[in-house]
Structures are given as C-alpha cells and as structure tokens.
Amino acid sequence: MMSSNKKYDVIWNPDSVIDLTQYVKYAKTTTNDVYDKANILLSYRPQTNGHSVMFKGFEYDGYKWINVKNIILLYEVLEKEKIVAIEACYFANNEESAEIFYGINPKEGWD
C-alpha cells in the first residue's frame, strides 16, 4: 500500500477556527459542516485534493487550498506525521479571494 493512501489527521490552527466562526454566517453553512467536509476531503491524498497557492507576496504562498462550502481553507501537509494542518481560512465570495485564489482581477470587471 502506498503511503499516500494512509489516513491523515486534520488539525486546525486556533486562529483559523476563530475566522471560520465568522465566515460561516456569510457562507450560509455551519462550522460542523465545514469540519466534516474538510475531514472527508483532506484525510486521504490531501496533496491532490487541493490547489497550490501561487500568489506572490501572500503569506501562504506555496501552501495548498481547497474550497469547502464557500470557505477557502489554507493548509500544509506534514507528510512524516500524516497531518493536514489548516492554517487559515477565508470567505470565498469576495474580491480578495477572487484575486488570490482564482486569479481574477476584481477591478477589471466582466467585459
């Protein structure tokens, strides 16, 4: 069995939990829904289930991200420990997230 098939523990940075509690009301979901979905998506093969952050100058450049119920979770995979560490989260439907994660310049419009 390949090591990528083994289960990873998903842990949350306390600051990301605080942010999550603020964003769920805008995303019209619950913290439990986000926790459950994150565990399902990131417990197995977290390297392939997310996208790489490639926004120069962003503090999480080089991390992975995934959109869970309109909440963007930024995480790193600690391979040796079999841990996925969620370091931060953002609300997906705003200008900052559009630019950082989707490469959309909100100032250009939809021409």
N, C-alpha and C. Protein backbone atom coordinates (compact mmCIF):
# COMPACT_ATOMS: atom_id res chain seq x y z
N MET A 1 0.86 -1.18 0.00
CA MET A 1 0.00 0.00 0.00
C MET A 1 0.90 1.24 0.00
N MET A 2 0.59 2.18 -0.85
CA MET A 2 1.35 3.43 -0.92
C MET A 2 1.03 4.32 0.28
N SER A 3 2.04 5.10 0.70
CA SER A 3 1.83 5.94 1.87
C SER A 3 0.77 7.01 1.65
N SER A 4 0.52 7.42 0.40
CA SER A 4 -0.48 8.44 0.14
C SER A 4 -1.91 7.95 0.40
N ASN A 5 -2.08 6.63 0.55
CA ASN A 5 -3.40 6.08 0.82
C ASN A 5 -3.72 5.99 2.31
N LYS A 6 -2.75 6.25 3.15
CA LYS A 6 -2.98 6.20 4.59
C LYS A 6 -3.72 7.44 5.04
N LYS A 7 -4.47 7.29 6.09
CA LYS A 7 -5.29 8.39 6.58
C LYS A 7 -4.45 9.47 7.27
N TYR A 8 -4.81 10.71 7.00
CA TYR A 8 -4.18 11.87 7.63
C TYR A 8 -5.13 12.43 8.69
N ASP A 9 -4.56 12.94 9.77
CA ASP A 9 -5.34 13.67 10.76
C ASP A 9 -5.43 15.12 10.31
N VAL A 10 -6.62 15.69 10.38
CA VAL A 10 -6.83 17.09 10.02
C VAL A 10 -6.91 17.88 11.32
N ILE A 11 -5.97 18.82 11.46
CA ILE A 11 -5.95 19.67 12.66
C ILE A 11 -6.12 21.13 12.24
N TRP A 12 -6.63 21.93 13.15
CA TRP A 12 -6.94 23.33 12.86
C TRP A 12 -6.12 24.25 13.76
N ASN A 13 -5.49 25.24 13.17
CA ASN A 13 -4.85 26.31 13.91
C ASN A 13 -5.96 27.07 14.64
N PRO A 14 -5.78 27.42 15.92
CA PRO A 14 -6.85 28.12 16.65
C PRO A 14 -7.34 29.41 15.98
N ASP A 15 -6.43 30.14 15.32
CA ASP A 15 -6.86 31.36 14.62
C ASP A 15 -7.77 31.05 13.45
N SER A 16 -7.53 29.94 12.76
CA SER A 16 -8.39 29.58 11.64
C SER A 16 -9.79 29.19 12.12
N VAL A 17 -9.88 28.61 13.31
CA VAL A 17 -11.18 28.27 13.88
C VAL A 17 -11.97 29.55 14.20
N ILE A 18 -11.29 30.53 14.75
CA ILE A 18 -11.94 31.82 15.04
C ILE A 18 -12.45 32.47 13.76
N ASP A 19 -11.60 32.48 12.71
CA ASP A 19 -12.03 33.03 11.43
C ASP A 19 -13.21 32.26 10.85
N LEU A 20 -13.15 30.94 10.94
CA LEU A 20 -14.23 30.11 10.41
C LEU A 20 -15.56 30.47 11.04
N THR A 21 -15.58 30.67 12.34
CA THR A 21 -16.85 31.00 13.02
C THR A 21 -17.42 32.32 12.52
N GLN A 22 -16.57 33.22 12.04
CA GLN A 22 -17.05 34.48 11.48
C GLN A 22 -17.59 34.30 10.06
N TYR A 23 -16.95 33.45 9.27
CA TYR A 23 -17.29 33.31 7.85
C TYR A 23 -18.49 32.42 7.58
N VAL A 24 -18.80 31.48 8.46
CA VAL A 24 -19.88 30.54 8.16
C VAL A 24 -21.22 31.24 8.01
N LYS A 25 -21.42 32.35 8.71
CA LYS A 25 -22.71 33.04 8.58
C LYS A 25 -22.87 33.63 7.17
N TYR A 26 -21.77 34.07 6.55
CA TYR A 26 -21.84 34.59 5.18
C TYR A 26 -21.97 33.46 4.16
N ALA A 27 -21.36 32.34 4.47
CA ALA A 27 -21.39 31.19 3.56
C ALA A 27 -22.66 30.36 3.72
N LYS A 28 -23.49 30.72 4.69
CA LYS A 28 -24.75 30.02 4.95
C LYS A 28 -24.53 28.53 5.16
N THR A 29 -23.61 28.25 6.08
CA THR A 29 -23.31 26.88 6.46
C THR A 29 -23.01 26.88 7.96
N THR A 30 -22.50 25.77 8.47
CA THR A 30 -22.16 25.69 9.89
C THR A 30 -20.70 25.24 10.03
N THR A 31 -20.14 25.51 11.18
CA THR A 31 -18.77 25.05 11.42
C THR A 31 -18.69 23.53 11.34
N ASN A 32 -19.67 22.84 11.86
CA ASN A 32 -19.66 21.37 11.80
C ASN A 32 -19.69 20.86 10.36
N ASP A 33 -20.47 21.50 9.49
CA ASP A 33 -20.49 21.10 8.08
C ASP A 33 -19.11 21.26 7.43
N VAL A 34 -18.45 22.37 7.74
CA VAL A 34 -17.11 22.61 7.18
C VAL A 34 -16.11 21.61 7.75
N TYR A 35 -16.15 21.36 9.05
CA TYR A 35 -15.26 20.37 9.67
C TYR A 35 -15.45 19.00 9.03
N ASP A 36 -16.70 18.57 8.91
CA ASP A 36 -16.99 17.24 8.36
C ASP A 36 -16.50 17.12 6.92
N LYS A 37 -16.81 18.10 6.10
CA LYS A 37 -16.41 18.07 4.69
C LYS A 37 -14.89 18.13 4.55
N ALA A 38 -14.23 18.96 5.37
CA ALA A 38 -12.77 19.06 5.33
C ALA A 38 -12.14 17.72 5.69
N ASN A 39 -12.69 17.05 6.69
CA ASN A 39 -12.15 15.73 7.07
C ASN A 39 -12.30 14.73 5.94
N ILE A 40 -13.43 14.76 5.26
CA ILE A 40 -13.66 13.84 4.15
C ILE A 40 -12.68 14.12 3.01
N LEU A 41 -12.52 15.40 2.66
CA LEU A 41 -11.68 15.77 1.52
C LEU A 41 -10.19 15.69 1.79
N LEU A 42 -9.78 15.92 3.03
CA LEU A 42 -8.35 16.04 3.30
C LEU A 42 -7.74 14.87 4.06
N SER A 43 -8.53 13.92 4.49
CA SER A 43 -7.99 12.78 5.24
C SER A 43 -7.22 11.81 4.35
N TYR A 44 -7.53 11.76 3.08
CA TYR A 44 -6.86 10.89 2.13
C TYR A 44 -6.37 11.70 0.94
N ARG A 45 -5.11 11.54 0.60
CA ARG A 45 -4.49 12.20 -0.56
C ARG A 45 -4.71 13.72 -0.56
N PRO A 46 -4.37 14.41 0.51
CA PRO A 46 -4.59 15.86 0.56
C PRO A 46 -3.73 16.64 -0.44
N GLN A 47 -2.64 16.02 -0.88
CA GLN A 47 -1.78 16.70 -1.85
C GLN A 47 -2.48 16.89 -3.19
N THR A 48 -3.37 15.97 -3.54
CA THR A 48 -4.02 16.04 -4.85
C THR A 48 -5.43 16.63 -4.78
N ASN A 49 -5.99 16.79 -3.59
CA ASN A 49 -7.35 17.31 -3.48
C ASN A 49 -7.42 18.83 -3.44
N GLY A 50 -6.30 19.49 -3.27
CA GLY A 50 -6.29 20.95 -3.21
C GLY A 50 -5.52 21.56 -4.36
N HIS A 51 -5.45 22.87 -4.35
CA HIS A 51 -4.73 23.65 -5.34
C HIS A 51 -3.54 24.33 -4.66
N SER A 52 -2.51 24.62 -5.41
CA SER A 52 -1.36 25.33 -4.86
C SER A 52 -1.62 26.83 -4.86
N VAL A 53 -1.24 27.48 -3.76
CA VAL A 53 -1.30 28.94 -3.69
C VAL A 53 -0.07 29.45 -4.42
N MET A 54 -0.30 30.29 -5.42
CA MET A 54 0.81 30.85 -6.19
C MET A 54 0.61 32.35 -6.37
N PHE A 55 0.37 33.04 -5.28
CA PHE A 55 0.14 34.48 -5.31
C PHE A 55 1.35 35.12 -4.63
N LYS A 56 2.20 35.78 -5.42
CA LYS A 56 3.44 36.35 -4.91
C LYS A 56 3.17 37.36 -3.80
N GLY A 57 3.93 37.26 -2.73
CA GLY A 57 3.81 38.19 -1.63
C GLY A 57 2.75 37.81 -0.60
N PHE A 58 1.92 36.82 -0.91
CA PHE A 58 0.88 36.36 0.01
C PHE A 58 1.55 35.48 1.06
N GLU A 59 1.21 35.67 2.32
CA GLU A 59 1.91 34.95 3.39
C GLU A 59 1.78 33.43 3.28
N TYR A 60 0.79 32.94 2.56
CA TYR A 60 0.60 31.50 2.42
C TYR A 60 1.01 31.00 1.03
N ASP A 61 1.83 31.76 0.33
CA ASP A 61 2.34 31.34 -0.97
C ASP A 61 3.06 30.00 -0.80
N GLY A 62 2.72 29.02 -1.62
CA GLY A 62 3.31 27.70 -1.52
C GLY A 62 2.47 26.70 -0.74
N TYR A 63 1.46 27.15 -0.01
CA TYR A 63 0.56 26.25 0.70
C TYR A 63 -0.45 25.67 -0.30
N LYS A 64 -1.29 24.79 0.18
CA LYS A 64 -2.40 24.26 -0.61
C LYS A 64 -3.68 24.92 -0.14
N TRP A 65 -4.69 24.95 -1.01
CA TRP A 65 -6.01 25.47 -0.62
C TRP A 65 -7.10 24.64 -1.26
N ILE A 66 -8.26 24.67 -0.58
CA ILE A 66 -9.43 23.97 -1.08
C ILE A 66 -10.67 24.77 -0.66
N ASN A 67 -11.66 24.80 -1.52
CA ASN A 67 -12.92 25.49 -1.22
C ASN A 67 -13.89 24.48 -0.64
N VAL A 68 -14.30 24.73 0.60
CA VAL A 68 -15.24 23.86 1.30
C VAL A 68 -16.43 24.70 1.72
N LYS A 69 -17.56 24.51 1.03
CA LYS A 69 -18.80 25.22 1.37
C LYS A 69 -18.61 26.74 1.37
N ASN A 70 -17.92 27.27 0.36
CA ASN A 70 -17.62 28.69 0.20
C ASN A 70 -16.67 29.24 1.25
N ILE A 71 -15.94 28.36 1.90
CA ILE A 71 -14.87 28.75 2.81
C ILE A 71 -13.57 28.18 2.23
N ILE A 72 -12.60 29.04 2.00
CA ILE A 72 -11.32 28.59 1.48
C ILE A 72 -10.42 28.23 2.66
N LEU A 73 -9.96 27.00 2.67
CA LEU A 73 -9.07 26.51 3.72
C LEU A 73 -7.65 26.45 3.17
N LEU A 74 -6.72 27.08 3.86
CA LEU A 74 -5.31 27.03 3.51
C LEU A 74 -4.64 26.02 4.42
N TYR A 75 -3.91 25.09 3.83
CA TYR A 75 -3.34 24.03 4.64
C TYR A 75 -1.97 23.62 4.14
N GLU A 76 -1.24 22.96 5.04
CA GLU A 76 0.02 22.33 4.66
C GLU A 76 -0.05 20.87 5.07
N VAL A 77 0.64 20.06 4.31
CA VAL A 77 0.66 18.63 4.57
C VAL A 77 1.99 18.29 5.25
N LEU A 78 1.89 17.74 6.45
CA LEU A 78 3.06 17.29 7.19
C LEU A 78 3.16 15.77 6.98
N GLU A 79 3.89 15.42 5.95
CA GLU A 79 3.92 14.04 5.45
C GLU A 79 4.40 13.06 6.50
N LYS A 80 5.48 13.40 7.18
CA LYS A 80 6.07 12.48 8.15
C LYS A 80 5.10 12.14 9.28
N GLU A 81 4.34 13.15 9.73
CA GLU A 81 3.40 12.97 10.84
C GLU A 81 2.01 12.53 10.39
N LYS A 82 1.78 12.53 9.07
CA LYS A 82 0.46 12.22 8.50
C LYS A 82 -0.59 13.20 9.04
N ILE A 83 -0.26 14.48 8.95
CA ILE A 83 -1.15 15.55 9.43
C ILE A 83 -1.40 16.54 8.31
N VAL A 84 -2.64 16.99 8.23
CA VAL A 84 -3.01 18.13 7.41
C VAL A 84 -3.32 19.25 8.39
N ALA A 85 -2.52 20.30 8.34
CA ALA A 85 -2.67 21.42 9.26
C ALA A 85 -3.35 22.58 8.54
N ILE A 86 -4.58 22.87 8.94
CA ILE A 86 -5.31 24.00 8.37
C ILE A 86 -4.84 25.25 9.11
N GLU A 87 -4.17 26.12 8.37
CA GLU A 87 -3.52 27.29 8.98
C GLU A 87 -4.36 28.55 8.91
N ALA A 88 -5.26 28.65 7.94
CA ALA A 88 -6.06 29.86 7.79
C ALA A 88 -7.29 29.55 6.94
N CYS A 89 -8.27 30.44 7.00
CA CYS A 89 -9.42 30.31 6.13
C CYS A 89 -9.92 31.69 5.74
N TYR A 90 -10.59 31.72 4.60
CA TYR A 90 -11.13 32.95 4.03
C TYR A 90 -12.52 32.67 3.50
N PHE A 91 -13.35 33.71 3.45
CA PHE A 91 -14.64 33.59 2.77
C PHE A 91 -14.37 33.64 1.27
N ALA A 92 -14.94 32.73 0.53
CA ALA A 92 -14.62 32.57 -0.89
C ALA A 92 -15.21 33.66 -1.77
N ASN A 93 -16.33 34.24 -1.39
CA ASN A 93 -17.04 35.15 -2.29
C ASN A 93 -16.76 36.61 -1.99
N ASN A 94 -15.49 37.00 -2.12
CA ASN A 94 -15.15 38.42 -2.00
C ASN A 94 -14.00 38.74 -2.96
N GLU A 95 -13.69 40.04 -3.11
CA GLU A 95 -12.68 40.45 -4.09
C GLU A 95 -11.30 39.89 -3.77
N GLU A 96 -10.93 39.92 -2.50
CA GLU A 96 -9.61 39.44 -2.11
C GLU A 96 -9.43 37.97 -2.49
N SER A 97 -10.41 37.15 -2.19
CA SER A 97 -10.33 35.72 -2.51
C SER A 97 -10.34 35.50 -4.02
N ALA A 98 -11.14 36.27 -4.75
CA ALA A 98 -11.19 36.13 -6.21
C ALA A 98 -9.82 36.36 -6.82
N GLU A 99 -9.13 37.36 -6.33
CA GLU A 99 -7.81 37.69 -6.87
C GLU A 99 -6.75 36.67 -6.44
N ILE A 100 -6.70 36.36 -5.16
CA ILE A 100 -5.65 35.49 -4.64
C ILE A 100 -5.81 34.05 -5.13
N PHE A 101 -7.01 33.50 -5.03
CA PHE A 101 -7.17 32.07 -5.28
C PHE A 101 -7.62 31.73 -6.69
N TYR A 102 -8.33 32.64 -7.34
CA TYR A 102 -8.85 32.33 -8.68
C TYR A 102 -8.19 33.14 -9.78
N GLY A 103 -7.29 34.07 -9.41
CA GLY A 103 -6.58 34.87 -10.41
C GLY A 103 -7.46 35.86 -11.15
N ILE A 104 -8.56 36.27 -10.54
CA ILE A 104 -9.49 37.22 -11.16
C ILE A 104 -9.19 38.60 -10.59
N ASN A 105 -8.93 39.56 -11.47
CA ASN A 105 -8.71 40.93 -11.02
C ASN A 105 -10.08 41.59 -10.88
N PRO A 106 -10.52 41.88 -9.64
CA PRO A 106 -11.86 42.44 -9.45
C PRO A 106 -12.03 43.83 -10.03
N LYS A 107 -10.95 44.52 -10.32
CA LYS A 107 -11.03 45.88 -10.85
C LYS A 107 -11.25 45.90 -12.37
N GLU A 108 -11.09 44.76 -13.04
CA GLU A 108 -11.23 44.70 -14.49
C GLU A 108 -12.66 44.50 -14.95
N GLY A 109 -13.53 44.01 -14.08
CA GLY A 109 -14.93 43.82 -14.45
C GLY A 109 -15.14 42.60 -15.32
N TRP A 110 -16.30 42.51 -15.93
CA TRP A 110 -16.71 41.34 -16.70
C TRP A 110 -16.85 41.64 -18.18
N ASP A 111 -16.11 42.60 -18.72
CA ASP A 111 -16.25 43.00 -20.13
C ASP A 111 -16.15 41.85 -21.09
